[in-house]
C-alpha atoms as a PDB file:
ATOM      1  CA  MET A   1     138.576   1.390  44.969  1.00  0.00           C
ATOM      2  CA  THR A   2     136.951   2.927  41.916  1.00  0.00           C
ATOM      3  CA  ASP A   3     135.627   6.464  41.712  1.00  0.00           C
ATOM      4  CA  ALA A   4     131.865   6.808  41.903  1.00  0.00           C
ATOM      5  CA  VAL A   5     130.279   7.669  38.594  1.00  0.00           C
ATOM      6  CA  GLY A   6     127.471  10.225  38.754  1.00  0.00           C
ATOM      7  CA  PRO A   7     124.527  10.395  36.407  1.00  0.00           C
ATOM      8  CA  SER A   8     125.341  11.553  32.884  1.00  0.00           C
ATOM      9  CA  PRO A   9     124.112  15.050  32.052  1.00  0.00           C
ATOM     10  CA  ALA A  10     120.916  15.257  30.037  1.00  0.00           C
ATOM     11  CA  SER A  11     121.327  15.908  26.356  1.00  0.00           C
ATOM     12  CA  PRO A  12     120.533  19.480  25.323  1.00  0.00           C
ATOM     13  CA  ILE A  13     117.261  20.209  23.546  1.00  0.00           C
ATOM     14  CA  ARG A  14     117.944  20.298  19.812  1.00  0.00           C
ATOM     15  CA  VAL A  15     116.322  23.383  18.277  1.00  0.00           C
ATOM     16  CA  LEU A  16     115.553  24.475  14.718  1.00  0.00           C
ATOM     17  CA  LEU A  17     114.908  28.164  13.986  1.00  0.00           C
ATOM     18  CA  ALA A  18     112.938  29.181  10.892  1.00  0.00           C
ATOM     19  CA  GLU A  19     113.064  32.943  10.312  1.00  0.00           C
ATOM     20  CA  ASP A  20     113.526  34.773   7.013  1.00  0.00           C
ATOM     21  CA  GLN A  21     115.091  37.924   8.504  1.00  0.00           C
ATOM     22  CA  GLY A  22     118.774  37.117   8.784  1.00  0.00           C
ATOM     23  CA  MET A  23     119.670  39.499  11.614  1.00  0.00           C
ATOM     24  CA  MET A  24     116.770  38.335  13.774  1.00  0.00           C
ATOM     25  CA  ARG A  25     117.489  34.675  13.033  1.00  0.00           C
ATOM     26  CA  ASP A  26     121.156  35.034  13.960  1.00  0.00           C
ATOM     27  CA  ALA A  27     120.374  37.039  17.096  1.00  0.00           C
ATOM     28  CA  MET A  28     117.844  34.449  18.289  1.00  0.00           C
ATOM     29  CA  ALA A  29     120.323  31.646  17.634  1.00  0.00           C
ATOM     30  CA  LEU A  30     123.080  33.465  19.514  1.00  0.00           C
ATOM     31  CA  LEU A  31     120.929  34.206  22.558  1.00  0.00           C
ATOM     32  CA  LEU A  32     119.393  30.737  22.737  1.00  0.00           C
ATOM     33  CA  GLY A  33     122.870  29.240  22.343  1.00  0.00           C
ATOM     34  CA  LEU A  34     123.842  30.839  25.645  1.00  0.00           C
ATOM     35  CA  GLU A  35     121.379  28.536  27.421  1.00  0.00           C
ATOM     36  CA  GLU A  36     123.225  25.428  28.607  1.00  0.00           C
ATOM     37  CA  ASP A  37     120.323  23.080  27.959  1.00  0.00           C
ATOM     38  CA  LEU A  38     119.512  24.338  24.446  1.00  0.00           C
ATOM     39  CA  GLU A  39     121.412  23.667  21.220  1.00  0.00           C
ATOM     40  CA  VAL A  40     120.445  25.398  17.971  1.00  0.00           C
ATOM     41  CA  VAL A  41     121.255  22.736  15.373  1.00  0.00           C
ATOM     42  CA  ALA A  42     119.548  24.186  12.286  1.00  0.00           C
ATOM     43  CA  LEU A  43     118.797  27.643  10.877  1.00  0.00           C
ATOM     44  CA  VAL A  44     116.498  27.984   7.860  1.00  0.00           C
ATOM     45  CA  ALA A  45     115.238  31.027   5.979  1.00  0.00           C
ATOM     46  CA  ASP A  46     112.350  29.562   3.992  1.00  0.00           C
ATOM     47  CA  GLY A  47     109.430  27.271   4.632  1.00  0.00           C
ATOM     48  CA  GLU A  48     110.454  24.587   2.147  1.00  0.00           C
ATOM     49  CA  ALA A  49     113.647  23.850   4.109  1.00  0.00           C
ATOM     50  CA  ILE A  50     111.964  23.240   7.477  1.00  0.00           C
ATOM     51  CA  VAL A  51     110.935  19.586   7.224  1.00  0.00           C
ATOM     52  CA  PRO A  52     114.157  18.301   5.568  1.00  0.00           C
ATOM     53  CA  ALA A  53     116.297  20.145   8.129  1.00  0.00           C
ATOM     54  CA  ALA A  54     114.212  18.915  11.072  1.00  0.00           C
ATOM     55  CA  VAL A  55     114.498  15.310   9.897  1.00  0.00           C
ATOM     56  CA  GLU A  56     118.225  15.551   9.101  1.00  0.00           C
ATOM     57  CA  HIS A  57     119.197  17.132  12.410  1.00  0.00           C
ATOM     58  CA  ARG A  58     116.794  15.100  14.587  1.00  0.00           C
ATOM     59  CA  VAL A  59     115.253  18.258  15.992  1.00  0.00           C
ATOM     60  CA  ASP A  60     113.364  18.205  19.303  1.00  0.00           C
ATOM     61  CA  VAL A  61     111.681  21.604  18.957  1.00  0.00           C
ATOM     62  CA  ALA A  62     111.109  23.607  15.765  1.00  0.00           C
ATOM     63  CA  VAL A  63     110.604  27.342  16.322  1.00  0.00           C
ATOM     64  CA  LEU A  64     108.754  28.580  13.254  1.00  0.00           C
ATOM     65  CA  ASP A  65     107.812  32.002  12.004  1.00  0.00           C
ATOM     66  CA  ILE A  66     104.476  32.002  10.170  1.00  0.00           C
ATOM     67  CA  GLU A  67     105.228  34.165   7.161  1.00  0.00           C
ATOM     68  CA  LEU A  68     108.148  32.599   5.302  1.00  0.00           C
ATOM     69  CA  PRO A  69     109.148  32.429   1.632  1.00  0.00           C
ATOM     70  CA  GLY A  70     108.110  29.253  -0.159  1.00  0.00           C
ATOM     71  CA  ARG A  71     105.522  28.075   2.328  1.00  0.00           C
ATOM     72  CA  SER A  72     104.242  29.213   5.685  1.00  0.00           C
ATOM     73  CA  GLY A  73     105.333  27.933   9.059  1.00  0.00           C
ATOM     74  CA  LEU A  74     101.771  26.702   9.581  1.00  0.00           C
ATOM     75  CA  GLU A  75     101.967  24.485   6.484  1.00  0.00           C
ATOM     76  CA  ALA A  76     105.358  23.164   7.572  1.00  0.00           C
ATOM     77  CA  ALA A  77     104.015  22.443  11.066  1.00  0.00           C
ATOM     78  CA  ALA A  78     101.338  20.172   9.630  1.00  0.00           C
ATOM     79  CA  ASP A  79     103.956  18.287   7.604  1.00  0.00           C
ATOM     80  CA  LEU A  80     106.272  17.948  10.584  1.00  0.00           C
ATOM     81  CA  ARG A  81     103.526  16.190  12.512  1.00  0.00           C
ATOM     82  CA  LYS A  82     103.552  13.498   9.803  1.00  0.00           C
ATOM     83  CA  ARG A  83     107.249  13.351   8.911  1.00  0.00           C
ATOM     84  CA  SER A  84     108.782  13.863  12.358  1.00  0.00           C
ATOM     85  CA  PRO A  85     106.168  13.157  15.047  1.00  0.00           C
ATOM     86  CA  SER A  86     108.673  13.520  17.876  1.00  0.00           C
ATOM     87  CA  CYS A  87     109.491  17.088  16.846  1.00  0.00           C
ATOM     88  CA  ARG A  88     107.448  19.623  18.804  1.00  0.00           C
ATOM     89  CA  VAL A  89     106.470  22.888  17.108  1.00  0.00           C
ATOM     90  CA  LEU A  90     106.493  26.359  18.617  1.00  0.00           C
ATOM     91  CA  ILE A  91     105.039  29.108  16.405  1.00  0.00           C
ATOM     92  CA  VAL A  92     106.349  32.654  16.876  1.00  0.00           C
ATOM     93  CA  THR A  93     104.869  35.603  15.033  1.00  0.00           C
ATOM     94  CA  THR A  94     104.842  39.362  14.833  1.00  0.00           C
ATOM     95  CA  PHE A  95     101.236  39.286  13.703  1.00  0.00           C
ATOM     96  CA  GLY A  96      98.612  38.472  16.318  1.00  0.00           C
ATOM     97  CA  ARG A  97      95.882  37.644  13.827  1.00  0.00           C
ATOM     98  CA  PRO A  98      93.252  35.538  15.660  1.00  0.00           C
ATOM     99  CA  GLY A  99      92.911  32.990  12.870  1.00  0.00           C
ATOM    100  CA  TYR A 100      96.603  32.142  13.074  1.00  0.00           C
ATOM    101  CA  LEU A 101      96.248  30.657  16.555  1.00  0.00           C
ATOM    102  CA  ARG A 102      93.397  28.373  15.506  1.00  0.00           C
ATOM    103  CA  ARG A 103      95.323  27.233  12.431  1.00  0.00           C
ATOM    104  CA  ALA A 104      98.470  26.646  14.487  1.00  0.00           C
ATOM    105  CA  MET A 105      96.601  24.388  16.906  1.00  0.00           C
ATOM    106  CA  GLU A 106      94.959  22.533  14.004  1.00  0.00           C
ATOM    107  CA  ALA A 107      98.416  21.989  12.507  1.00  0.00           C
ATOM    108  CA  GLY A 108      99.582  20.369  15.733  1.00  0.00           C
ATOM    109  CA  ALA A 109     101.675  23.207  17.177  1.00  0.00           C
ATOM    110  CA  ALA A 110     102.380  22.926  20.901  1.00  0.00           C
ATOM    111  CA  GLY A 111     103.009  26.617  21.397  1.00  0.00           C
ATOM    112  CA  PHE A 112     102.156  30.039  19.988  1.00  0.00           C
ATOM    113  CA  LEU A 113     104.075  33.146  21.054  1.00  0.00           C
ATOM    114  CA  SER A 114     104.534  36.744  20.012  1.00  0.00           C
ATOM    115  CA  LYS A 115     108.018  37.760  18.870  1.00  0.00           C
ATOM    116  CA  ASP A 116     107.768  40.823  21.092  1.00  0.00           C
ATOM    117  CA  GLY A 117     108.638  38.873  24.236  1.00  0.00           C
ATOM    118  CA  PRO A 118     112.129  38.489  25.762  1.00  0.00           C
ATOM    119  CA  VAL A 119     114.381  35.623  24.736  1.00  0.00           C
ATOM    120  CA  GLU A 120     114.104  34.183  28.268  1.00  0.00           C
ATOM    121  CA  GLU A 121     110.402  33.690  27.622  1.00  0.00           C
ATOM    122  CA  LEU A 122     111.157  31.912  24.351  1.00  0.00           C
ATOM    123  CA  ALA A 123     113.723  29.674  26.026  1.00  0.00           C
ATOM    124  CA  ALA A 124     111.239  28.755  28.755  1.00  0.00           C
ATOM    125  CA  ALA A 125     108.604  27.989  26.113  1.00  0.00           C
ATOM    126  CA  ILE A 126     111.015  25.716  24.239  1.00  0.00           C
ATOM    127  CA  ARG A 127     111.722  23.781  27.435  1.00  0.00           C
ATOM    128  CA  ARG A 128     108.041  23.459  28.207  1.00  0.00           C
ATOM    129  CA  VAL A 129     106.983  22.125  24.804  1.00  0.00           C
ATOM    130  CA  ALA A 130     110.022  19.813  24.716  1.00  0.00           C
ATOM    131  CA  ALA A 131     108.773  18.336  27.990  1.00  0.00           C
ATOM    132  CA  GLY A 132     105.354  17.668  26.465  1.00  0.00           C
ATOM    133  CA  GLY A 133     103.567  20.801  27.612  1.00  0.00           C
ATOM    134  CA  SER A 134     102.004  23.665  25.692  1.00  0.00           C
ATOM    135  CA  VAL A 135     102.458  27.432  25.704  1.00  0.00           C
ATOM    136  CA  ILE A 136     100.021  30.007  24.339  1.00  0.00           C
ATOM    137  CA  ASP A 137     100.419  33.774  24.562  1.00  0.00           C
ATOM    138  CA  PRO A 138      97.468  34.874  26.768  1.00  0.00           C
ATOM    139  CA  VAL A 139      96.828  38.067  24.782  1.00  0.00           C
ATOM    140  CA  LEU A 140      96.678  36.167  21.498  1.00  0.00           C
ATOM    141  CA  ALA A 141      94.502  33.492  23.096  1.00  0.00           C
ATOM    142  CA  ALA A 142      91.997  36.091  24.325  1.00  0.00           C
ATOM    143  CA  ALA A 143      91.845  37.675  20.873  1.00  0.00           C
ATOM    144  CA  ALA A 144      91.276  34.297  19.237  1.00  0.00           C
ATOM    145  CA  LEU A 145      88.459  33.372  21.612  1.00  0.00           C
ATOM    146  CA  GLY A 146      86.633  36.582  20.798  1.00  0.00           C
ATOM    147  CA  SER A 147      87.069  36.339  17.043  1.00  0.00           C
ATOM    148  CA  GLN A 148      84.859  35.009  14.277  1.00  0.00           C
ATOM    149  CA  PRO A 149      85.655  31.396  13.322  1.00  0.00           C
ATOM    150  CA  ASP A 150      87.148  30.875   9.881  1.00  0.00           C
ATOM    151  CA  PRO A 151      84.173  30.306   7.529  1.00  0.00           C
ATOM    152  CA  LEU A 152      86.267  29.362   4.496  1.00  0.00           C
ATOM    153  CA  THR A 153      86.757  25.826   3.255  1.00  0.00           C
ATOM    154  CA  ALA A 154      90.219  24.538   2.420  1.00  0.00           C
ATOM    155  CA  ARG A 155      89.509  24.903  -1.301  1.00  0.00           C
ATOM    156  CA  GLU A 156      88.202  28.448  -0.896  1.00  0.00           C
ATOM    157  CA  ARG A 157      91.369  29.380   0.990  1.00  0.00           C
ATOM    158  CA  GLN A 158      93.510  27.783  -1.693  1.00  0.00           C
ATOM    159  CA  VAL A 159      91.818  29.631  -4.537  1.00  0.00           C
ATOM    160  CA  LEU A 160      91.691  32.950  -2.686  1.00  0.00           C
ATOM    161  CA  THR A 161      95.377  32.700  -1.773  1.00  0.00           C
ATOM    162  CA  ALA A 162      96.301  31.914  -5.367  1.00  0.00           C
ATOM    163  CA  ALA A 163      94.243  34.870  -6.559  1.00  0.00           C
ATOM    164  CA  MET A 164      96.112  37.364  -4.392  1.00  0.00           C
ATOM    165  CA  ASP A 165      98.690  38.005  -7.121  1.00  0.00           C
ATOM    166  CA  GLY A 166      95.997  39.241  -9.523  1.00  0.00           C
ATOM    167  CA  SER A 167      95.890  36.112 -11.691  1.00  0.00           C
ATOM    168  CA  THR A 168      92.977  35.765 -14.066  1.00  0.00           C
ATOM    169  CA  VAL A 169      90.387  33.040 -13.651  1.00  0.00           C
ATOM    170  CA  ALA A 170      91.942  31.240 -16.614  1.00  0.00           C
ATOM    171  CA  ASP A 171      95.386  31.378 -14.980  1.00  0.00           C
ATOM    172  CA  LEU A 172      93.976  30.091 -11.692  1.00  0.00           C
ATOM    173  CA  SER A 173      92.166  27.311 -13.506  1.00  0.00           C
ATOM    174  CA  ALA A 174      95.377  26.119 -15.157  1.00  0.00           C
ATOM    175  CA  ARG A 175      97.500  26.475 -12.033  1.00  0.00           C
ATOM    176  CA  LEU A 176      95.075  24.730  -9.670  1.00  0.00           C
ATOM    177  CA  HIS A 177      93.815  22.141 -12.181  1.00  0.00           C
ATOM    178  CA  LEU A 178      90.219  23.253 -11.726  1.00  0.00           C
ATOM    179  CA  SER A 179      87.638  24.294 -14.270  1.00  0.00           C
ATOM    180  CA  GLU A 180      87.076  28.015 -14.714  1.00  0.00           C
ATOM    181  CA  SER A 181      83.502  27.699 -13.472  1.00  0.00           C
ATOM    182  CA  THR A 182      84.712  25.931 -10.323  1.00  0.00           C
ATOM    183  CA  VAL A 183      87.258  28.692  -9.684  1.00  0.00           C
ATOM    184  CA  ARG A 184      84.525  31.322 -10.091  1.00  0.00           C
ATOM    185  CA  ASN A 185      82.273  29.416  -7.679  1.00  0.00           C
ATOM    186  CA  TYR A 186      84.975  29.241  -5.002  1.00  0.00           C
ATOM    187  CA  LEU A 187      85.808  32.933  -5.382  1.00  0.00           C
ATOM    188  CA  SER A 188      82.130  33.893  -5.273  1.00  0.00           C
ATOM    189  CA  SER A 189      81.606  31.806  -2.146  1.00  0.00           C
ATOM    190  CA  ALA A 190      84.642  33.360  -0.440  1.00  0.00           C
ATOM    191  CA  ILE A 191      83.432  36.861  -1.311  1.00  0.00           C
ATOM    192  CA  GLY A 192      80.024  36.083   0.160  1.00  0.00           C
ATOM    193  CA  LYS A 193      81.418  34.591   3.360  1.00  0.00           C
ATOM    194  CA  THR A 194      83.723  37.546   3.973  1.00  0.00           C
ATOM    195  CA  GLY A 195      80.960  40.077   3.247  1.00  0.00           C
ATOM    196  CA  THR A 196      83.049  41.847   0.611  1.00  0.00           C
ATOM    197  CA  ARG A 197      82.466  43.080  -2.935  1.00  0.00           C
ATOM    198  CA  ASN A 198      85.248  41.407  -4.880  1.00  0.00           C
ATOM    199  CA  ARG A 199      88.050  38.887  -4.559  1.00  0.00           C
ATOM    200  CA  THR A 200      90.650  41.559  -3.732  1.00  0.00           C
ATOM    201  CA  GLU A 201      88.654  42.725  -0.730  1.00  0.00           C
ATOM    202  CA  ALA A 202      87.898  39.120   0.243  1.00  0.00           C
ATOM    203  CA  ALA A 203      91.584  38.233   0.221  1.00  0.00           C
ATOM    204  CA  ARG A 204      92.459  41.312   2.279  1.00  0.00           C
ATOM    205  CA  VAL A 205      89.826  40.588   4.937  1.00  0.00           C
ATOM    206  CA  ALA A 206      90.745  36.901   5.116  1.00  0.00           C
ATOM    207  CA  TYR A 207      94.449  37.741   5.382  1.00  0.00           C
ATOM    208  CA  GLU A 208      93.919  40.310   8.137  1.00  0.00           C
ATOM    209  CA  LYS A 209      91.918  37.791  10.148  1.00  0.00           C
ATOM    210  CA  GLY A 210      94.598  35.127   9.741  1.00  0.00           C
ATOM    211  CA  TRP A 211      92.494  32.797   7.620  1.00  0.00           C
ATOM    212  CA  LEU A 212      95.031  32.760   4.784  1.00  0.00           C
END
């Protein structure tokens, strides 16, 4: 008589954490690692490392901060949708800028949470998005619904972001492979759409609203 064999336990959810603050990243990994059904398989500190790590470690859920060195979590989320379609993305942020939520959804993120919540809430969100659901912080959702839609085009955002370091029009032209007149036109359009007086003010307003 052979012993009955029960069902094999489900494999844990494989999680990637992208956070540039080392202490917070390690603390999140430690706390999530205490959950029996979650396994943190990759820790990254910059945006450029997200996609390669997710592909290498066959990640189920990528938990991404927005503001990272190299590239933002929002940019990485869009790439993950192409490079690793099975990987679900959960955006976590300290900054509740309304435009961030819209951009996260456009990038294919399945969840958007504030970092201020308890780790139990994050763990529950990871499980939910891994199961095919979605999670959106209700406070951030309400703020996004009541906010002005992003009026900037992709090119205007690109030029305005590049201009934030004080580069001259000539520098921007060379860096972005655009003519100087085209750069001026994009900057002028962005200034007009944000209702500001110069590109510095335009960049500040766009950043505060989460458009950049």
